[in-house]
Amino acid sequence: MARATKIKNRLNRGDSAWAYAFIAVALVVYALFTAYPVISAFLISFQEYKPLGSTYIGLDNYADIFSSDLFWRSVKNTIVYTVLTVPVALIIAFAISILIMPLQKWAQTTFKAVYYLPAVASGVALSVVWLWIYDPMPGGILNQIIGLFGIDNQNWLGTSATSMFSLVLMSWLSSHGTSIIIYVAALLGIDSSYYEAADIDGANFWQKMWHIVIPCLKPTTLFLLVTGVIGSFQVFQNAYLMTGGGPDHSTTMVGLLIFDTAFKYFEFGKAAAQSLVLALIIGIVAFFQFKVLGKDIEY
């Protein structure tokens, strides 16, 4: 009996060794490209960082951040961008998913592929297309459209009044593919018996939507809402390529401000502090989203 127990324990240790071996690569990648950068950023945020010798300055970087009007303006711009883009993006993705559902399987696959295509396209290429759309000259597509209604040409990206709206419109009309695929998968997972019971009760389309579809998709919607808010708080590419944060910092987002602080002004310590403050803000927002919207969801 004792010999059998020893053999069993040896086999269990062997299985554990193989398990650690299989996850070792993932652990090394995580340690090098996630854990180490976060720890380094935390340490650098307390320094006036220089490649050949840094100086410890305590909380000075954080004091500069919280007293900076530009930082708070970038936070405000990011919040405005998030509030205007994320809810509308979810509504658009949800509506398109509902329209796709009655189609045949091949048609569903085709539409999902078409809507997902911008996600694999180059962000630079997409920005070039949108720069053409927003061209302030009469040849710009958007100016041609509004010209049909007798409206004068607009400098969409060059004025504070329209620059933020231009970025928001760009977000509304692109990059819904991932959300659509997730929503369609969730819709396919709803038990058909719910619809059968609703048909027996004489429920119409909107009653089914309100009492069956929306409640069943609440976990999916919460997931997409949280990930969408996290992504929009980290937005960088659109602002950098389309407006560069201008005019007059009207489209300067926190992510773009961190980039400029680090690689334009070479204040790496302050940039690290800004990134950690942004991470804290994202964590607080995500916590309240789960707390408020996820209180009746079983995980």
C-alpha atoms as a PDB file:
ATOM      1  CA  MET A   1       0.000   0.000   0.000  1.00  0.00           C
ATOM      2  CA  ALA A   2       2.791   2.420   0.955  1.00  0.00           C
ATOM      3  CA  ARG A   3       4.658   1.577  -2.246  1.00  0.00           C
ATOM      4  CA  ALA A   4       1.557   2.305  -4.345  1.00  0.00           C
ATOM      5  CA  THR A   5       1.113   5.650  -2.573  1.00  0.00           C
ATOM      6  CA  LYS A   6       4.734   6.626  -3.281  1.00  0.00           C
ATOM      7  CA  ILE A   7       4.339   5.721  -6.952  1.00  0.00           C
ATOM      8  CA  LYS A   8       1.106   7.745  -7.163  1.00  0.00           C
ATOM      9  CA  ASN A   9       2.753  10.773  -5.543  1.00  0.00           C
ATOM     10  CA  ARG A  10       5.704  10.518  -7.939  1.00  0.00           C
ATOM     11  CA  LEU A  11       3.338  10.450 -10.920  1.00  0.00           C
ATOM     12  CA  ASN A  12       1.438  13.455  -9.560  1.00  0.00           C
ATOM     13  CA  ARG A  13       4.691  15.377  -9.186  1.00  0.00           C
ATOM     14  CA  GLY A  14       5.573  14.455 -12.753  1.00  0.00           C
ATOM     15  CA  ASP A  15       2.215  15.726 -14.016  1.00  0.00           C
ATOM     16  CA  SER A  16       2.700  18.971 -12.084  1.00  0.00           C
ATOM     17  CA  ALA A  17       6.155  19.409 -13.571  1.00  0.00           C
ATOM     18  CA  TRP A  18       4.744  19.031 -17.091  1.00  0.00           C
ATOM     19  CA  ALA A  19       1.959  21.503 -16.263  1.00  0.00           C
ATOM     20  CA  TYR A  20       4.498  24.111 -15.142  1.00  0.00           C
ATOM     21  CA  ALA A  21       6.574  23.421 -18.227  1.00  0.00           C
ATOM     22  CA  PHE A  22       3.614  24.092 -20.522  1.00  0.00           C
ATOM     23  CA  ILE A  23       2.739  27.421 -18.870  1.00  0.00           C
ATOM     24  CA  ALA A  24       6.362  28.511 -18.454  1.00  0.00           C
ATOM     25  CA  VAL A  25       6.463  30.317 -21.816  1.00  0.00           C
ATOM     26  CA  ALA A  26       3.281  32.246 -21.029  1.00  0.00           C
ATOM     27  CA  LEU A  27       4.610  33.145 -17.577  1.00  0.00           C
ATOM     28  CA  VAL A  28       7.912  34.382 -18.995  1.00  0.00           C
ATOM     29  CA  VAL A  29       6.126  36.489 -21.622  1.00  0.00           C
ATOM     30  CA  TYR A  30       3.818  37.927 -18.952  1.00  0.00           C
ATOM     31  CA  ALA A  31       6.728  38.690 -16.643  1.00  0.00           C
ATOM     32  CA  LEU A  32       8.787  40.398 -19.375  1.00  0.00           C
ATOM     33  CA  PHE A  33       6.088  42.352 -21.179  1.00  0.00           C
ATOM     34  CA  THR A  34       3.450  43.022 -18.500  1.00  0.00           C
ATOM     35  CA  ALA A  35       4.679  42.666 -14.920  1.00  0.00           C
ATOM     36  CA  TYR A  36       8.138  44.161 -15.465  1.00  0.00           C
ATOM     37  CA  PRO A  37       6.921  47.259 -17.377  1.00  0.00           C
ATOM     38  CA  VAL A  38       4.267  47.964 -14.714  1.00  0.00           C
ATOM     39  CA  ILE A  39       6.771  47.665 -11.881  1.00  0.00           C
ATOM     40  CA  SER A  40       9.297  49.785 -13.796  1.00  0.00           C
ATOM     41  CA  ALA A  41       6.684  52.462 -14.489  1.00  0.00           C
ATOM     42  CA  PHE A  42       5.799  52.570 -10.796  1.00  0.00           C
ATOM     43  CA  LEU A  43       9.453  53.064  -9.826  1.00  0.00           C
ATOM     44  CA  ILE A  44      10.148  55.585 -12.599  1.00  0.00           C
ATOM     45  CA  SER A  45       7.125  57.668 -11.580  1.00  0.00           C
ATOM     46  CA  PHE A  46       9.022  58.710  -8.434  1.00  0.00           C
ATOM     47  CA  GLN A  47      12.101  59.774 -10.391  1.00  0.00           C
ATOM     48  CA  GLU A  48      13.325  62.423 -12.761  1.00  0.00           C
ATOM     49  CA  TYR A  49      14.279  59.692 -15.171  1.00  0.00           C
ATOM     50  CA  LYS A  50      17.429  59.938 -17.244  1.00  0.00           C
ATOM     51  CA  PRO A  51      19.067  57.062 -19.143  1.00  0.00           C
ATOM     52  CA  LEU A  52      22.464  57.705 -17.546  1.00  0.00           C
ATOM     53  CA  GLY A  53      21.310  58.448 -14.042  1.00  0.00           C
ATOM     54  CA  SER A  54      17.910  59.151 -12.521  1.00  0.00           C
ATOM     55  CA  THR A  55      17.121  61.345  -9.521  1.00  0.00           C
ATOM     56  CA  TYR A  56      14.579  60.404  -6.880  1.00  0.00           C
ATOM     57  CA  ILE A  57      12.063  63.260  -6.517  1.00  0.00           C
ATOM     58  CA  GLY A  58       9.306  61.578  -4.497  1.00  0.00           C
ATOM     59  CA  LEU A  59       5.765  62.690  -5.359  1.00  0.00           C
ATOM     60  CA  ASP A  60       6.769  65.695  -7.442  1.00  0.00           C
ATOM     61  CA  ASN A  61       5.622  64.100 -10.700  1.00  0.00           C
ATOM     62  CA  TYR A  62       2.199  63.380  -9.231  1.00  0.00           C
ATOM     63  CA  ALA A  63       1.983  66.917  -7.826  1.00  0.00           C
ATOM     64  CA  ASP A  64       2.749  68.317 -11.288  1.00  0.00           C
ATOM     65  CA  ILE A  65       0.064  66.123 -12.821  1.00  0.00           C
ATOM     66  CA  PHE A  66      -2.715  67.094 -10.434  1.00  0.00           C
ATOM     67  CA  SER A  67      -1.843  70.794 -10.761  1.00  0.00           C
ATOM     68  CA  SER A  68      -1.703  70.642 -14.567  1.00  0.00           C
ATOM     69  CA  ASP A  69      -4.652  72.197 -16.413  1.00  0.00           C
ATOM     70  CA  LEU A  70      -3.666  70.283 -19.547  1.00  0.00           C
ATOM     71  CA  PHE A  71      -3.867  66.932 -17.759  1.00  0.00           C
ATOM     72  CA  TRP A  72      -7.367  67.623 -16.446  1.00  0.00           C
ATOM     73  CA  ARG A  73      -8.422  68.894 -19.848  1.00  0.00           C
ATOM     74  CA  SER A  74      -7.175  65.668 -21.415  1.00  0.00           C
ATOM     75  CA  VAL A  75      -9.155  63.698 -18.803  1.00  0.00           C
ATOM     76  CA  LYS A  76     -12.253  65.731 -19.647  1.00  0.00           C
ATOM     77  CA  ASN A  77     -11.732  65.163 -23.386  1.00  0.00           C
ATOM     78  CA  THR A  78     -11.312  61.438 -22.796  1.00  0.00           C
ATOM     79  CA  ILE A  79     -14.490  61.255 -20.703  1.00  0.00           C
ATOM     80  CA  VAL A  80     -16.463  63.190 -23.332  1.00  0.00           C
ATOM     81  CA  TYR A  81     -15.137  60.903 -26.067  1.00  0.00           C
ATOM     82  CA  THR A  82     -16.016  57.816 -24.018  1.00  0.00           C
ATOM     83  CA  VAL A  83     -19.538  58.957 -23.157  1.00  0.00           C
ATOM     84  CA  LEU A  84     -20.288  59.842 -26.779  1.00  0.00           C
ATOM     85  CA  THR A  85     -18.784  56.757 -28.419  1.00  0.00           C
ATOM     86  CA  VAL A  86     -19.222  53.677 -26.218  1.00  0.00           C
ATOM     87  CA  PRO A  87     -23.030  53.670 -25.698  1.00  0.00           C
ATOM     88  CA  VAL A  88     -23.709  54.513 -29.353  1.00  0.00           C
ATOM     89  CA  ALA A  89     -21.250  51.834 -30.497  1.00  0.00           C
ATOM     90  CA  LEU A  90     -23.065  49.226 -28.374  1.00  0.00           C
ATOM     91  CA  ILE A  91     -26.457  50.264 -29.746  1.00  0.00           C
ATOM     92  CA  ILE A  92     -25.190  50.092 -33.330  1.00  0.00           C
ATOM     93  CA  ALA A  93     -23.582  46.669 -32.787  1.00  0.00           C
ATOM     94  CA  PHE A  94     -26.713  45.353 -31.069  1.00  0.00           C
ATOM     95  CA  ALA A  95     -29.030  46.618 -33.833  1.00  0.00           C
ATOM     96  CA  ILE A  96     -26.861  45.137 -36.592  1.00  0.00           C
ATOM     97  CA  SER A  97     -26.717  41.810 -34.727  1.00  0.00           C
ATOM     98  CA  ILE A  98     -30.514  41.719 -34.499  1.00  0.00           C
ATOM     99  CA  LEU A  99     -30.756  42.401 -38.244  1.00  0.00           C
ATOM    100  CA  ILE A 100     -28.226  39.658 -39.030  1.00  0.00           C
ATOM    101  CA  MET A 101     -29.930  36.964 -36.942  1.00  0.00           C
ATOM    102  CA  PRO A 102     -32.874  36.127 -39.307  1.00  0.00           C
ATOM    103  CA  LEU A 103     -30.518  35.619 -42.258  1.00  0.00           C
ATOM    104  CA  GLN A 104     -29.280  32.276 -43.481  1.00  0.00           C
ATOM    105  CA  LYS A 105     -26.036  30.907 -42.096  1.00  0.00           C
ATOM    106  CA  TRP A 106     -23.911  31.875 -45.114  1.00  0.00           C
ATOM    107  CA  ALA A 107     -25.331  35.401 -45.085  1.00  0.00           C
ATOM    108  CA  GLN A 108     -24.614  35.760 -41.344  1.00  0.00           C
ATOM    109  CA  THR A 109     -21.021  34.677 -41.902  1.00  0.00           C
ATOM    110  CA  THR A 110     -20.616  37.100 -44.817  1.00  0.00           C
ATOM    111  CA  PHE A 111     -21.916  40.104 -42.888  1.00  0.00           C
ATOM    112  CA  LYS A 112     -19.847  39.268 -39.807  1.00  0.00           C
ATOM    113  CA  ALA A 113     -16.729  39.036 -41.967  1.00  0.00           C
ATOM    114  CA  VAL A 114     -17.520  42.348 -43.698  1.00  0.00           C
ATOM    115  CA  TYR A 115     -18.108  44.185 -40.427  1.00  0.00           C
ATOM    116  CA  TYR A 116     -15.010  42.654 -38.841  1.00  0.00           C
ATOM    117  CA  LEU A 117     -12.742  43.576 -41.780  1.00  0.00           C
ATOM    118  CA  PRO A 118     -11.826  47.087 -40.470  1.00  0.00           C
ATOM    119  CA  ALA A 119     -10.466  45.465 -37.291  1.00  0.00           C
ATOM    120  CA  VAL A 120      -7.704  43.742 -39.274  1.00  0.00           C
ATOM    121  CA  ALA A 121      -7.004  46.705 -41.552  1.00  0.00           C
ATOM    122  CA  SER A 122      -4.160  49.104 -40.870  1.00  0.00           C
ATOM    123  CA  GLY A 123      -5.130  51.982 -38.607  1.00  0.00           C
ATOM    124  CA  VAL A 124      -2.944  54.303 -40.669  1.00  0.00           C
ATOM    125  CA  ALA A 125      -4.754  53.302 -43.866  1.00  0.00           C
ATOM    126  CA  LEU A 126      -8.145  53.893 -42.255  1.00  0.00           C
ATOM    127  CA  SER A 127      -6.996  57.277 -40.982  1.00  0.00           C
ATOM    128  CA  VAL A 128      -5.890  58.268 -44.500  1.00  0.00           C
ATOM    129  CA  VAL A 129      -9.376  57.439 -45.769  1.00  0.00           C
ATOM    130  CA  TRP A 130     -10.993  59.500 -43.011  1.00  0.00           C
ATOM    131  CA  LEU A 131      -8.614  62.394 -43.678  1.00  0.00           C
ATOM    132  CA  TRP A 132      -9.904  62.331 -47.235  1.00  0.00           C
ATOM    133  CA  ILE A 133     -13.493  62.303 -45.959  1.00  0.00           C
ATOM    134  CA  TYR A 134     -12.775  65.281 -43.690  1.00  0.00           C
ATOM    135  CA  ASP A 135     -10.773  67.212 -46.300  1.00  0.00           C
ATOM    136  CA  PRO A 136     -11.651  70.897 -45.696  1.00  0.00           C
ATOM    137  CA  MET A 137     -11.489  71.650 -49.408  1.00  0.00           C
ATOM    138  CA  PRO A 138     -14.602  71.275 -51.594  1.00  0.00           C
ATOM    139  CA  GLY A 139     -13.292  67.888 -52.731  1.00  0.00           C
ATOM    140  CA  GLY A 140     -13.781  66.389 -49.274  1.00  0.00           C
ATOM    141  CA  ILE A 141     -16.542  63.783 -49.230  1.00  0.00           C
ATOM    142  CA  LEU A 142     -18.289  65.142 -46.137  1.00  0.00           C
ATOM    143  CA  ASN A 143     -18.172  68.705 -47.456  1.00  0.00           C
ATOM    144  CA  GLN A 144     -19.652  67.497 -50.744  1.00  0.00           C
ATOM    145  CA  ILE A 145     -22.511  65.868 -48.833  1.00  0.00           C
ATOM    146  CA  ILE A 146     -23.354  68.921 -46.734  1.00  0.00           C
ATOM    147  CA  GLY A 147     -22.939  71.079 -49.836  1.00  0.00           C
ATOM    148  CA  LEU A 148     -26.025  69.371 -51.271  1.00  0.00           C
ATOM    149  CA  PHE A 149     -28.011  71.016 -48.462  1.00  0.00           C
ATOM    150  CA  GLY A 150     -26.508  74.454 -49.053  1.00  0.00           C
ATOM    151  CA  ILE A 151     -24.117  74.296 -46.073  1.00  0.00           C
ATOM    152  CA  ASP A 152     -20.685  75.910 -46.431  1.00  0.00           C
ATOM    153  CA  ASN A 153     -17.491  73.873 -46.321  1.00  0.00           C
ATOM    154  CA  GLN A 154     -16.261  73.037 -42.834  1.00  0.00           C
ATOM    155  CA  ASN A 155     -12.715  72.561 -41.553  1.00  0.00           C
ATOM    156  CA  TRP A 156     -13.733  69.472 -39.620  1.00  0.00           C
ATOM    157  CA  LEU A 157     -10.397  68.679 -37.986  1.00  0.00           C
ATOM    158  CA  GLY A 158      -9.015  72.201 -37.880  1.00  0.00           C
ATOM    159  CA  THR A 159     -11.480  73.928 -35.559  1.00  0.00           C
ATOM    160  CA  SER A 160     -12.234  73.277 -31.901  1.00  0.00           C
ATOM    161  CA  ALA A 161     -15.981  73.302 -32.563  1.00  0.00           C
ATOM    162  CA  THR A 162     -15.932  70.236 -34.843  1.00  0.00           C
ATOM    163  CA  SER A 163     -12.688  68.356 -34.123  1.00  0.00           C
ATOM    164  CA  MET A 164     -14.043  66.222 -31.267  1.00  0.00           C
ATOM    165  CA  PHE A 165     -17.252  65.489 -33.172  1.00  0.00           C
ATOM    166  CA  SER A 166     -15.156  64.353 -36.133  1.00  0.00           C
ATOM    167  CA  LEU A 167     -13.322  61.783 -34.005  1.00  0.00           C
ATOM    168  CA  VAL A 168     -16.610  60.630 -32.455  1.00  0.00           C
ATOM    169  CA  LEU A 169     -18.240  60.236 -35.882  1.00  0.00           C
ATOM    170  CA  MET A 170     -15.233  58.232 -37.044  1.00  0.00           C
ATOM    171  CA  SER A 171     -15.740  55.896 -34.078  1.00  0.00           C
ATOM    172  CA  TRP A 172     -19.479  55.548 -34.710  1.00  0.00           C
ATOM    173  CA  LEU A 173     -18.978  54.458 -38.312  1.00  0.00           C
ATOM    174  CA  SER A 174     -16.148  51.974 -37.838  1.00  0.00           C
ATOM    175  CA  SER A 175     -14.799  49.081 -35.764  1.00  0.00           C
ATOM    176  CA  HIS A 176     -18.005  47.372 -34.617  1.00  0.00           C
ATOM    177  CA  GLY A 177     -17.031  43.935 -35.922  1.00  0.00           C
ATOM    178  CA  THR A 178     -15.882  42.401 -32.633  1.00  0.00           C
ATOM    179  CA  SER A 179     -18.993  43.532 -30.754  1.00  0.00           C
ATOM    180  CA  ILE A 180     -21.249  42.265 -33.546  1.00  0.00           C
ATOM    181  CA  ILE A 181     -19.656  38.812 -33.510  1.00  0.00           C
ATOM    182  CA  ILE A 182     -19.958  38.593 -29.717  1.00  0.00           C
ATOM    183  CA  TYR A 183     -23.578  39.771 -29.772  1.00  0.00           C
ATOM    184  CA  VAL A 184     -24.536  37.299 -32.518  1.00  0.00           C
ATOM    185  CA  ALA A 185     -22.944  34.443 -30.551  1.00  0.00           C
ATOM    186  CA  ALA A 186     -24.868  35.515 -27.440  1.00  0.00           C
ATOM    187  CA  LEU A 187     -28.139  35.738 -29.393  1.00  0.00           C
ATOM    188  CA  LEU A 188     -27.617  32.217 -30.708  1.00  0.00           C
ATOM    189  CA  GLY A 189     -27.171  31.054 -27.117  1.00  0.00           C
ATOM    190  CA  ILE A 190     -30.633  32.162 -25.975  1.00  0.00           C
ATOM    191  CA  ASP A 191     -32.895  29.158 -25.347  1.00  0.00           C
ATOM    192  CA  SER A 192     -35.589  28.937 -28.029  1.00  0.00           C
ATOM    193  CA  SER A 193     -38.148  27.866 -25.395  1.00  0.00           C
ATOM    194  CA  TYR A 194     -38.259  31.493 -24.223  1.00  0.00           C
ATOM    195  CA  TYR A 195     -39.458  32.625 -27.643  1.00  0.00           C
ATOM    196  CA  GLU A 196     -41.949  29.745 -27.847  1.00  0.00           C
ATOM    197  CA  ALA A 197     -43.454  30.713 -24.502  1.00  0.00           C
ATOM    198  CA  ALA A 198     -43.620  34.362 -25.620  1.00  0.00           C
ATOM    199  CA  ASP A 199     -45.423  33.327 -28.838  1.00  0.00           C
ATOM    200  CA  ILE A 200     -47.981  31.412 -26.811  1.00  0.00           C
ATOM    201  CA  ASP A 201     -48.584  34.520 -24.690  1.00  0.00           C
ATOM    202  CA  GLY A 202     -49.001  36.622 -27.824  1.00  0.00           C
ATOM    203  CA  ALA A 203     -45.909  38.781 -27.313  1.00  0.00           C
ATOM    204  CA  ASN A 204     -44.857  41.007 -30.194  1.00  0.00           C
ATOM    205  CA  PHE A 205     -41.318  41.707 -31.424  1.00  0.00           C
ATOM    206  CA  TRP A 206     -40.632  44.603 -29.050  1.00  0.00           C
ATOM    207  CA  GLN A 207     -41.970  42.701 -26.031  1.00  0.00           C
ATOM    208  CA  LYS A 208     -39.653  39.806 -26.850  1.00  0.00           C
ATOM    209  CA  MET A 209     -36.771  42.236 -27.145  1.00  0.00           C
ATOM    210  CA  TRP A 210     -37.494  43.903 -23.807  1.00  0.00           C
ATOM    211  CA  HIS A 211     -38.362  40.844 -21.727  1.00  0.00           C
ATOM    212  CA  ILE A 212     -36.165  38.137 -23.308  1.00  0.00           C
ATOM    213  CA  VAL A 213     -33.319  39.391 -25.471  1.00  0.00           C
ATOM    214  CA  ILE A 214     -32.108  42.375 -23.432  1.00  0.00           C
ATOM    215  CA  PRO A 215     -32.128  40.547 -20.041  1.00  0.00           C
ATOM    216  CA  CYS A 216     -30.400  37.488 -21.524  1.00  0.00           C
ATOM    217  CA  LEU A 217     -27.730  39.676 -23.134  1.00  0.00           C
ATOM    218  CA  LYS A 218     -27.033  41.709 -20.009  1.00  0.00           C
ATOM    219  CA  PRO A 219     -23.776  39.836 -19.156  1.00  0.00           C
ATOM    220  CA  THR A 220     -22.582  40.280 -22.751  1.00  0.00           C
ATOM    221  CA  THR A 221     -23.526  43.956 -22.768  1.00  0.00           C
ATOM    222  CA  LEU A 222     -21.702  44.506 -19.468  1.00  0.00           C
ATOM    223  CA  PHE A 223     -18.584  42.834 -20.847  1.00  0.00           C
ATOM    224  CA  LEU A 224     -18.651  44.937 -24.022  1.00  0.00           C
ATOM    225  CA  LEU A 225     -19.380  48.089 -22.012  1.00  0.00           C
ATOM    226  CA  VAL A 226     -16.436  47.554 -19.658  1.00  0.00           C
ATOM    227  CA  THR A 227     -13.993  46.645 -22.421  1.00  0.00           C
ATOM    228  CA  GLY A 228     -15.297  49.512 -24.572  1.00  0.00           C
ATOM    229  CA  VAL A 229     -14.767  52.051 -21.790  1.00  0.00           C
ATOM    230  CA  ILE A 230     -11.271  50.703 -21.125  1.00  0.00           C
ATOM    231  CA  GLY A 231     -10.431  50.943 -24.827  1.00  0.00           C
ATOM    232  CA  SER A 232     -11.827  54.464 -25.210  1.00  0.00           C
ATOM    233  CA  PHE A 233      -9.956  55.696 -22.133  1.00  0.00           C
ATOM    234  CA  GLN A 234      -6.779  54.445 -23.786  1.00  0.00           C
ATOM    235  CA  VAL A 235      -7.567  55.934 -27.201  1.00  0.00           C
ATOM    236  CA  PHE A 236      -4.441  57.197 -28.908  1.00  0.00           C
ATOM    237  CA  GLN A 237      -4.256  56.274 -32.559  1.00  0.00           C
ATOM    238  CA  ASN A 238      -7.244  58.286 -33.815  1.00  0.00           C
ATOM    239  CA  ALA A 239      -6.260  61.481 -32.011  1.00  0.00           C
ATOM    240  CA  TYR A 240      -2.586  61.141 -32.945  1.00  0.00           C
ATOM    241  CA  LEU A 241      -3.132  60.465 -36.648  1.00  0.00           C
ATOM    242  CA  MET A 242      -6.179  62.666 -37.271  1.00  0.00           C
ATOM    243  CA  THR A 243      -5.612  65.821 -35.211  1.00  0.00           C
ATOM    244  CA  GLY A 244      -2.408  65.435 -33.195  1.00  0.00           C
ATOM    245  CA  GLY A 245      -4.389  66.599 -30.165  1.00  0.00           C
ATOM    246  CA  GLY A 246      -5.320  69.944 -31.677  1.00  0.00           C
ATOM    247  CA  PRO A 247      -6.555  72.444 -32.347  1.00  0.00           C
ATOM    248  CA  ASP A 248      -5.909  74.138 -29.014  1.00  0.00           C
ATOM    249  CA  HIS A 249      -5.764  70.729 -27.271  1.00  0.00           C
ATOM    250  CA  SER A 250      -9.465  70.156 -28.007  1.00  0.00           C
ATOM    251  CA  THR A 251      -8.767  66.495 -28.872  1.00  0.00           C
ATOM    252  CA  THR A 252      -5.827  65.814 -26.564  1.00  0.00           C
ATOM    253  CA  MET A 253      -6.670  62.513 -24.851  1.00  0.00           C
ATOM    254  CA  VAL A 254      -4.820  61.122 -21.849  1.00  0.00           C
ATOM    255  CA  GLY A 255      -3.118  58.464 -23.966  1.00  0.00           C
ATOM    256  CA  LEU A 256      -1.850  61.075 -26.412  1.00  0.00           C
ATOM    257  CA  LEU A 257      -0.704  63.325 -23.546  1.00  0.00           C
ATOM    258  CA  ILE A 258       1.308  60.432 -22.070  1.00  0.00           C
ATOM    259  CA  PHE A 259       2.935  59.813 -25.457  1.00  0.00           C
ATOM    260  CA  ASP A 260       3.820  63.488 -25.914  1.00  0.00           C
ATOM    261  CA  THR A 261       5.168  63.779 -22.374  1.00  0.00           C
ATOM    262  CA  ALA A 262       7.422  60.759 -22.828  1.00  0.00           C
ATOM    263  CA  PHE A 263       8.579  60.967 -26.438  1.00  0.00           C
ATOM    264  CA  LYS A 264       8.156  64.642 -27.278  1.00  0.00           C
ATOM    265  CA  TYR A 265       9.291  66.304 -24.051  1.00  0.00           C
ATOM    266  CA  PHE A 266      11.289  63.296 -22.733  1.00  0.00           C
ATOM    267  CA  GLU A 267       9.774  63.554 -19.238  1.00  0.00           C
ATOM    268  CA  PHE A 268       9.574  59.813 -18.718  1.00  0.00           C
ATOM    269  CA  GLY A 269       8.960  59.992 -14.977  1.00  0.00           C
ATOM    270  CA  LYS A 270       5.960  62.256 -15.413  1.00  0.00           C
ATOM    271  CA  ALA A 271       4.658  60.097 -18.256  1.00  0.00           C
ATOM    272  CA  ALA A 272       4.914  57.011 -16.042  1.00  0.00           C
ATOM    273  CA  ALA A 273       2.983  58.817 -13.315  1.00  0.00           C
ATOM    274  CA  GLN A 274       0.316  59.855 -15.835  1.00  0.00           C
ATOM    275  CA  SER A 275      -0.045  56.273 -17.039  1.00  0.00           C
ATOM    276  CA  LEU A 276      -0.495  54.988 -13.490  1.00  0.00           C
ATOM    277  CA  VAL A 277      -3.091  57.659 -12.744  1.00  0.00           C
ATOM    278  CA  LEU A 278      -4.915  56.662 -15.930  1.00  0.00           C
ATOM    279  CA  ALA A 279      -4.788  53.002 -14.878  1.00  0.00           C
ATOM    280  CA  LEU A 280      -6.260  53.966 -11.493  1.00  0.00           C
ATOM    281  CA  ILE A 281      -9.071  55.924 -13.157  1.00  0.00           C
ATOM    282  CA  ILE A 282      -9.869  53.000 -15.460  1.00  0.00           C
ATOM    283  CA  GLY A 283      -9.865  50.605 -12.490  1.00  0.00           C
ATOM    284  CA  ILE A 284     -12.272  52.805 -10.505  1.00  0.00           C
ATOM    285  CA  VAL A 285     -14.638  53.213 -13.457  1.00  0.00           C
ATOM    286  CA  ALA A 286     -14.614  49.461 -14.182  1.00  0.00           C
ATOM    287  CA  PHE A 287     -15.253  48.688 -10.495  1.00  0.00           C
ATOM    288  CA  PHE A 288     -18.330  50.925 -10.416  1.00  0.00           C
ATOM    289  CA  GLN A 289     -19.586  49.461 -13.677  1.00  0.00           C
ATOM    290  CA  PHE A 290     -19.467  45.959 -12.206  1.00  0.00           C
ATOM    291  CA  LYS A 291     -20.874  47.211  -8.897  1.00  0.00           C
ATOM    292  CA  VAL A 292     -23.845  49.062 -10.396  1.00  0.00           C
ATOM    293  CA  LEU A 293     -24.649  47.158 -13.580  1.00  0.00           C
ATOM    294  CA  GLY A 294     -23.454  43.698 -12.598  1.00  0.00           C
ATOM    295  CA  LYS A 295     -25.080  43.319  -9.181  1.00  0.00           C
ATOM    296  CA  ASP A 296     -27.788  40.941 -10.467  1.00  0.00           C
ATOM    297  CA  ILE A 297     -25.557  39.004 -12.884  1.00  0.00           C
ATOM    298  CA  GLU A 298     -24.224  35.578 -11.965  1.00  0.00           C
ATOM    299  CA  TYR A 299     -20.559  35.129 -12.921  1.00  0.00           C
END
